[in-house]
Amino acid sequence: LNVVNEVYQKYAYDLELFIHCSLDIVDEKAPKANEMFLGHLYTDQKYKVRPSV
């Protein structure tokens, strides 16, 4: 992940991990989903994901 702004560089790894975990879970749950809401996907100390398909 290339970060241009140095202020956000220290958060780059956290954001990359957050995005990859979320996408993996969506990829796993989406084909089996009977509802549009997949539920709580991923959380850490800073971020939470609750997507809809």
Protein backbone atom coordinates (compact mmCIF):
# COMPACT_ATOMS: atom_id res chain seq x y z
CA LEU A 1 0.00 0.00 0.00
CA ASN A 2 1.61 3.24 -1.15
CA VAL A 3 0.70 6.19 1.02
CA VAL A 4 1.44 9.68 -0.27
CA ASN A 5 0.50 11.57 2.88
CA GLU A 6 2.89 10.88 5.78
CA VAL A 7 0.17 11.61 8.32
CA TYR A 8 -1.80 8.56 7.17
CA GLN A 9 1.22 6.32 6.65
CA LYS A 10 1.13 4.98 10.21
CA TYR A 11 -2.49 3.89 9.66
CA ALA A 12 -1.84 2.24 6.29
CA TYR A 13 -1.22 -1.26 7.68
CA ASP A 14 -4.30 -1.14 9.92
CA LEU A 15 -6.49 -0.02 7.04
CA GLU A 16 -5.07 -2.63 4.68
CA LEU A 17 -5.70 -5.40 7.22
CA PHE A 18 -9.21 -4.06 7.85
CA ILE A 19 -10.05 -4.04 4.14
CA HIS A 20 -8.62 -7.50 3.44
CA CYS A 21 -10.39 -9.12 6.40
CA SER A 22 -13.68 -7.50 5.46
CA LEU A 23 -13.44 -8.54 1.81
CA ASP A 24 -12.53 -12.12 2.73
CA ILE A 25 -15.56 -12.40 4.97
CA VAL A 26 -17.90 -10.86 2.40
CA ASP A 27 -16.53 -13.23 -0.24
CA GLU A 28 -17.21 -16.16 2.09
CA LYS A 29 -20.71 -15.12 3.23
CA ALA A 30 -22.21 -13.53 0.11
CA PRO A 31 -22.96 -16.71 -1.92
CA LYS A 32 -24.79 -18.26 1.05
CA ALA A 33 -26.68 -15.14 2.10
CA ASN A 34 -30.46 -15.35 2.22
CA GLU A 35 -30.71 -11.77 3.46
CA MET A 36 -29.22 -8.54 2.19
CA PHE A 37 -27.54 -7.81 5.55
CA LEU A 38 -24.54 -10.04 6.29
CA GLY A 39 -24.20 -9.07 9.93
CA HIS A 40 -21.19 -7.88 11.85
CA LEU A 41 -18.09 -8.84 9.88
CA TYR A 42 -14.94 -7.57 11.50
CA THR A 43 -13.88 -5.40 14.40
CA ASP A 44 -10.68 -4.31 15.99
CA GLN A 45 -9.80 -1.54 18.40
CA LYS A 46 -10.43 1.19 15.82
CA TYR A 47 -12.83 0.01 13.10
CA LYS A 48 -16.07 -1.93 12.68
CA VAL A 49 -17.68 -3.24 9.50
CA ARG A 50 -21.38 -3.94 8.99
CA PRO A 51 -21.98 -4.13 5.23
CA SER A 52 -25.03 -4.92 3.20
CA VAL A 53 -24.87 -6.82 -0.07
